[in-house]
Amino acid sequence: MIRIGILGSDSSHAFAFATLCNIPDTLTGQYNFPDVRITAIYGHDKKQTEKTALDCKIEEIVSSPDELIGKVDAVMILFRDGNLHTSYAIPFIKAGIPVWIDKPLTVTLEDSKILLKEAEKHNCLITGGSTCKYSKDVLELKNIINNGSVGNVLAGYINFPGDINSPYNGIFFYGPHIVEMLFTIFGYKVKSLTTIKRDSNILCVADYDTYSVVLDFTKDLDHSLCVIHGDKKSHVGEIKIDSSTYKAGLDKFIEMLDTGIMPLSPDKLSASTKFLAAINESLETEKKVYLNLGY
């Protein structure tokens, strides 16, 4: 049995992941992951932590993250505030305990460097980010480009919720979703970006070698889609995010625990932090920002 501990009960993701692991399917009575359980949880909000533990049948609430060491085989760090992620991850990385870090991986580039340096130093497995990049719709859009059905890509568009004024570090809170979907569908080789702001909404033009993709971050949005324009034809695909998306991300984490192979390289894991930092820079300077994502 793989025992996983959760750090951070303030996000709905804690409930989502724990439900997938600990609650049998209502129709079949079968567990999604028969050999995996969320066995312990730590959170800053006592009432929310207790509710998540009760609703999701989590056996133990710990009063300190250190209590998890020796009790779990892996941890998931799910705090809404990305500034907390590195400091909470480091003790587990030093102990060699595999870590999933929810979006955003980090808020600052310096935290990303520290996090990945420690993971490499201690040979510790680490992954995470937005689970949206593993959704069925996103992978189908990726395949449409890869199989050549639209021909050579000429331009693209993606919209998804995002709020530059979010109390949880602005665009870093929801921004990783659309950015990591961009990377999955169109690739990581973004050369530069330009961003403009309209109230709480922003538009970002991401430039590749031969085409650009518009990212539309809209605060209040209930319908997301991706448009791919090719020299053969154009394609419009809806992007739906539901419980299966969380499961797809959890599949990747558990696969990493089983195989010892990280699903994302360090460069890819930290790419969304670099991209989002560049968005903020472009907004501040009102200029194009050139990127070095390692590709």
Protein backbone atom coordinates (compact mmCIF):
# COMPACT_ATOMS: atom_id res chain seq x y z
CA MET A 1 0.00 0.00 0.00
CA ILE A 2 1.30 3.44 -0.97
CA ARG A 3 0.64 5.93 1.85
CA ILE A 4 0.34 9.58 0.78
CA GLY A 5 0.21 12.60 3.05
CA ILE A 6 -1.44 15.91 2.13
CA LEU A 7 -0.08 19.31 3.16
CA GLY A 8 -2.62 22.08 2.66
CA SER A 9 -6.37 21.66 3.14
CA ASP A 10 -7.41 25.13 1.96
CA SER A 11 -7.67 24.14 -1.70
CA SER A 12 -10.50 22.10 -3.23
CA HIS A 13 -7.74 19.96 -4.70
CA ALA A 14 -7.17 18.32 -1.31
CA PHE A 15 -10.75 17.06 -1.33
CA ALA A 16 -10.52 16.01 -4.98
CA PHE A 17 -7.34 13.97 -4.65
CA ALA A 18 -8.33 12.40 -1.32
CA THR A 19 -11.73 11.42 -2.69
CA LEU A 20 -10.11 9.71 -5.68
CA CYS A 21 -7.85 7.67 -3.40
CA ASN A 22 -10.05 6.97 -0.39
CA ILE A 23 -13.66 6.82 -1.55
CA PRO A 24 -14.91 3.87 -3.66
CA ASP A 25 -16.80 4.53 -6.88
CA THR A 26 -20.50 4.90 -6.06
CA LEU A 27 -21.55 2.71 -9.00
CA THR A 28 -18.97 -0.09 -8.95
CA GLY A 29 -17.87 -0.04 -5.31
CA GLN A 30 -14.29 -0.23 -6.57
CA TYR A 31 -11.42 2.06 -5.59
CA ASN A 32 -9.78 4.13 -8.34
CA PHE A 33 -6.40 3.21 -6.86
CA PRO A 34 -6.71 -0.03 -4.85
CA ASP A 35 -3.13 0.16 -3.55
CA VAL A 36 -3.03 3.89 -2.72
CA ARG A 37 -4.51 5.81 0.22
CA ILE A 38 -4.29 9.34 1.57
CA THR A 39 -3.49 8.43 5.17
CA ALA A 40 -2.67 11.78 6.81
CA ILE A 41 -3.29 15.48 6.35
CA TYR A 42 -1.90 18.77 7.63
CA GLY A 43 -3.57 22.16 7.18
CA HIS A 44 -3.60 25.69 8.53
CA ASP A 45 -7.39 25.88 8.79
CA LYS A 46 -8.43 23.48 11.56
CA LYS A 47 -12.11 23.27 10.60
CA GLN A 48 -11.40 22.75 6.91
CA THR A 49 -8.73 20.15 7.68
CA GLU A 50 -11.10 18.25 9.97
CA LYS A 51 -13.89 18.38 7.39
CA THR A 52 -11.65 17.09 4.59
CA ALA A 53 -10.35 14.29 6.82
CA LEU A 54 -13.88 13.28 7.82
CA ASP A 55 -15.43 13.49 4.35
CA CYS A 56 -12.52 11.69 2.68
CA LYS A 57 -11.85 9.10 5.39
CA ILE A 58 -8.30 10.30 6.09
CA GLU A 59 -7.07 8.44 9.16
CA GLU A 60 -4.85 11.05 10.79
CA ILE A 61 -4.58 14.80 11.16
CA VAL A 62 -1.05 15.86 12.10
CA SER A 63 -0.21 19.06 13.95
CA SER A 64 3.14 19.48 12.18
CA PRO A 65 4.35 18.49 8.70
CA ASP A 66 7.41 16.84 10.27
CA GLU A 67 5.10 14.20 11.77
CA LEU A 68 4.50 12.82 8.29
CA ILE A 69 8.13 11.75 7.85
CA GLY A 70 8.26 8.04 8.52
CA LYS A 71 4.48 7.71 8.26
CA VAL A 72 4.01 8.23 4.51
CA ASP A 73 5.66 7.13 1.28
CA ALA A 74 4.95 10.38 -0.60
CA VAL A 75 3.40 13.81 -0.06
CA MET A 76 1.20 16.17 -2.03
CA ILE A 77 1.68 19.89 -1.30
CA LEU A 78 -1.59 21.64 -2.10
CA PHE A 79 -1.52 25.07 -0.45
CA ARG A 80 -3.26 27.79 -2.46
CA ASP A 81 -0.36 30.14 -1.74
CA GLY A 82 2.49 29.09 -4.02
CA ASN A 83 4.96 31.00 -1.86
CA LEU A 84 4.60 28.22 0.72
CA HIS A 85 5.45 25.36 -1.62
CA THR A 86 9.24 25.38 -1.53
CA SER A 87 9.63 25.70 2.24
CA TYR A 88 7.17 22.88 2.89
CA ALA A 89 8.67 20.63 0.20
CA ILE A 90 12.34 20.89 1.19
CA PRO A 91 12.22 18.75 4.39
CA PHE A 92 10.59 15.89 2.46
CA ILE A 93 12.99 16.25 -0.45
CA LYS A 94 15.92 16.05 1.96
CA ALA A 95 14.36 12.90 3.43
CA GLY A 96 14.07 11.40 -0.07
CA ILE A 97 10.27 11.33 0.05
CA PRO A 98 8.68 11.86 -3.40
CA VAL A 99 6.71 15.09 -3.72
CA TRP A 100 3.81 16.36 -5.80
CA ILE A 101 3.59 20.16 -5.77
CA ASP A 102 0.32 21.63 -6.92
CA LYS A 103 0.10 24.64 -9.21
CA PRO A 104 1.93 26.92 -9.11
CA LEU A 105 5.14 25.00 -8.61
CA THR A 106 6.55 28.22 -7.16
CA VAL A 107 5.81 31.93 -7.46
CA THR A 108 9.42 33.12 -7.77
CA LEU A 109 12.21 32.00 -10.07
CA GLU A 110 14.55 31.82 -7.09
CA ASP A 111 12.26 29.35 -5.30
CA SER A 112 12.16 27.19 -8.45
CA LYS A 113 15.95 27.09 -8.57
CA ILE A 114 16.20 26.16 -4.88
CA LEU A 115 13.52 23.49 -5.17
CA LEU A 116 14.97 21.77 -8.23
CA LYS A 117 18.54 22.04 -6.95
CA GLU A 118 17.56 20.28 -3.71
CA ALA A 119 15.63 17.59 -5.60
CA GLU A 120 18.67 16.89 -7.78
CA LYS A 121 21.06 16.96 -4.81
CA HIS A 122 19.01 14.43 -2.85
CA ASN A 123 17.98 12.40 -5.91
CA CYS A 124 14.34 12.90 -4.96
CA LEU A 125 11.36 12.39 -7.28
CA ILE A 126 9.30 15.52 -7.80
CA THR A 127 6.45 16.50 -10.10
CA GLY A 128 3.20 18.44 -10.11
CA GLY A 129 1.74 21.60 -11.57
CA SER A 130 -1.65 21.84 -13.23
CA THR A 131 -3.50 18.59 -13.89
CA CYS A 132 -5.26 20.31 -16.81
CA LYS A 133 -2.33 19.44 -19.07
CA TYR A 134 -3.30 15.77 -18.70
CA SER A 135 -6.99 16.22 -19.52
CA LYS A 136 -8.47 14.18 -22.35
CA ASP A 137 -9.43 17.25 -24.36
CA VAL A 138 -5.96 18.80 -24.09
CA LEU A 139 -4.24 15.56 -25.14
CA GLU A 140 -6.62 15.26 -28.11
CA LEU A 141 -5.71 18.81 -29.19
CA LYS A 142 -2.02 17.93 -28.89
CA ASN A 143 -2.60 14.87 -31.08
CA ILE A 144 -4.38 16.95 -33.74
CA ILE A 145 -1.18 18.96 -34.20
CA ASN A 146 1.13 15.96 -33.95
CA ASN A 147 -0.77 13.84 -36.48
CA GLY A 148 -0.65 16.62 -39.08
CA SER A 149 -4.39 16.76 -39.68
CA VAL A 150 -4.41 20.58 -39.64
CA GLY A 151 -1.14 20.83 -41.51
CA ASN A 152 1.48 23.34 -40.41
CA VAL A 153 0.27 25.49 -37.53
CA LEU A 154 -0.33 29.11 -38.50
CA ALA A 155 -1.86 30.47 -35.28
CA GLY A 156 -3.66 29.43 -32.12
CA TYR A 157 -5.94 30.60 -29.32
CA ILE A 158 -6.80 29.29 -25.84
CA ASN A 159 -9.10 30.79 -23.22
CA PHE A 160 -9.36 29.80 -19.57
CA PRO A 161 -10.17 31.43 -16.21
CA GLY A 162 -7.50 33.70 -14.77
CA ASP A 163 -7.37 36.72 -12.50
CA ILE A 164 -4.38 39.06 -12.36
CA ASN A 165 -5.80 40.45 -9.10
CA SER A 166 -6.21 37.14 -7.29
CA PRO A 167 -5.21 37.41 -3.60
CA TYR A 168 -3.18 34.24 -4.13
CA ASN A 169 -0.25 35.84 -5.98
CA GLY A 170 -2.24 37.22 -8.89
CA ILE A 171 -1.83 35.41 -12.19
CA PHE A 172 0.23 32.66 -10.51
CA PHE A 173 -2.88 31.19 -8.90
CA TYR A 174 -4.92 30.17 -11.95
CA GLY A 175 -2.43 31.08 -14.66
CA PRO A 176 -0.53 27.76 -14.61
CA HIS A 177 -3.58 25.97 -16.01
CA ILE A 178 -3.68 27.77 -19.35
CA VAL A 179 0.11 28.05 -19.61
CA GLU A 180 0.69 24.33 -19.09
CA MET A 181 -2.09 23.53 -21.56
CA LEU A 182 -0.30 25.79 -24.05
CA PHE A 183 2.94 23.86 -23.55
CA THR A 184 1.21 20.50 -23.94
CA ILE A 185 -0.72 21.41 -27.08
CA PHE A 186 1.73 23.69 -28.91
CA GLY A 187 5.07 22.81 -27.27
CA TYR A 188 7.56 24.44 -24.92
CA LYS A 189 9.55 26.36 -27.53
CA VAL A 190 8.05 29.78 -26.81
CA LYS A 191 10.52 32.50 -27.79
CA SER A 192 8.82 35.63 -26.45
CA LEU A 193 5.53 37.02 -25.19
CA THR A 194 3.60 40.29 -25.06
CA THR A 195 0.77 40.97 -22.62
CA ILE A 196 -1.96 43.59 -22.26
CA LYS A 197 -4.44 44.08 -19.40
CA ARG A 198 -8.12 44.98 -19.50
CA ASP A 199 -9.59 45.32 -15.98
CA SER A 200 -8.99 41.89 -14.37
CA ASN A 201 -8.55 40.16 -17.73
CA ILE A 202 -5.36 39.83 -19.73
CA LEU A 203 -4.39 38.78 -23.24
CA CYS A 204 -0.96 37.28 -23.85
CA VAL A 205 0.55 36.61 -27.27
CA ALA A 206 3.07 33.76 -27.07
CA ASP A 207 5.48 33.72 -30.02
CA TYR A 208 6.92 30.52 -31.46
CA ASP A 209 9.36 30.40 -34.40
CA THR A 210 6.71 30.44 -37.14
CA TYR A 211 3.41 31.30 -35.41
CA SER A 212 1.84 32.87 -32.33
CA VAL A 213 -0.80 31.70 -29.85
CA VAL A 214 -3.13 34.06 -28.00
CA LEU A 215 -3.83 33.20 -24.36
CA ASP A 216 -7.04 34.75 -23.09
CA PHE A 217 -7.12 34.89 -19.26
CA THR A 218 -10.70 35.83 -18.33
CA LYS A 219 -11.76 36.24 -14.70
CA ASP A 220 -15.36 35.03 -15.05
CA LEU A 221 -15.52 32.23 -17.60
CA ASP A 222 -17.53 29.02 -17.75
CA HIS A 223 -16.60 27.78 -21.21
CA SER A 224 -13.06 27.14 -22.47
CA LEU A 225 -11.84 26.28 -25.93
CA CYS A 226 -8.77 26.06 -28.10
CA VAL A 227 -8.51 27.10 -31.75
CA ILE A 228 -5.77 25.72 -33.99
CA HIS A 229 -5.35 27.32 -37.41
CA GLY A 230 -3.33 25.24 -39.87
CA ASP A 231 -2.50 25.55 -43.54
CA LYS A 232 -4.79 22.57 -44.28
CA LYS A 233 -7.70 23.47 -42.04
CA SER A 234 -8.69 24.97 -38.69
CA HIS A 235 -9.90 23.10 -35.63
CA VAL A 236 -11.96 24.31 -32.66
CA GLY A 237 -11.96 22.10 -29.58
CA GLU A 238 -13.71 22.51 -26.25
CA ILE A 239 -11.69 22.05 -23.05
CA LYS A 240 -13.68 20.49 -20.21
CA ILE A 241 -12.16 20.04 -16.77
CA ASP A 242 -13.77 17.59 -14.34
CA SER A 243 -12.87 14.87 -11.83
CA SER A 244 -11.27 12.79 -14.58
CA THR A 245 -8.69 15.56 -14.97
CA TYR A 246 -7.64 15.22 -11.33
CA LYS A 247 -7.45 11.46 -11.82
CA ALA A 248 -5.24 11.89 -14.90
CA GLY A 249 -2.81 13.98 -12.84
CA LEU A 250 -2.89 11.50 -9.97
CA ASP A 251 -2.21 8.69 -12.45
CA LYS A 252 1.02 10.46 -13.41
CA PHE A 253 2.07 10.90 -9.77
CA ILE A 254 1.42 7.26 -8.89
CA GLU A 255 3.14 6.10 -12.07
CA MET A 256 6.19 8.09 -10.94
CA LEU A 257 6.07 6.39 -7.53
CA ASP A 258 5.84 2.97 -9.19
CA THR A 259 8.54 3.48 -11.84
CA GLY A 260 10.90 5.99 -10.25
CA ILE A 261 10.71 8.08 -13.44
CA MET A 262 9.60 11.72 -13.29
CA PRO A 263 6.94 12.54 -15.93
CA LEU A 264 8.40 16.03 -16.47
CA SER A 265 12.01 17.19 -16.74
CA PRO A 266 13.09 19.97 -14.34
CA ASP A 267 13.00 22.48 -17.23
CA LYS A 268 9.41 21.56 -18.09
CA LEU A 269 8.37 21.52 -14.45
CA SER A 270 9.59 25.09 -13.90
CA ALA A 271 8.61 26.47 -17.33
CA SER A 272 5.22 27.83 -16.25
CA THR A 273 6.83 29.86 -13.43
CA LYS A 274 9.22 31.44 -15.95
CA PHE A 275 6.35 32.13 -18.35
CA LEU A 276 4.13 33.71 -15.69
CA ALA A 277 7.01 35.83 -14.38
CA ALA A 278 7.48 37.07 -17.97
CA ILE A 279 3.77 37.95 -18.15
CA ASN A 280 4.14 40.16 -15.08
CA GLU A 281 7.28 41.72 -16.55
CA SER A 282 5.52 42.47 -19.83
CA LEU A 283 2.61 44.08 -17.98
CA GLU A 284 4.97 46.25 -15.94
CA THR A 285 7.20 47.33 -18.83
CA GLU A 286 4.52 47.29 -21.57
CA LYS A 287 7.10 45.56 -23.76
CA LYS A 288 7.79 42.20 -25.34
CA VAL A 289 9.72 39.82 -23.06
CA TYR A 290 12.09 37.21 -24.47
CA LEU A 291 12.12 33.80 -22.85
CA ASN A 292 14.67 31.09 -22.17
CA LEU A 293 12.72 28.00 -21.15
CA GLY A 294 15.60 25.62 -21.82
CA TYR A 295 14.51 24.74 -25.36
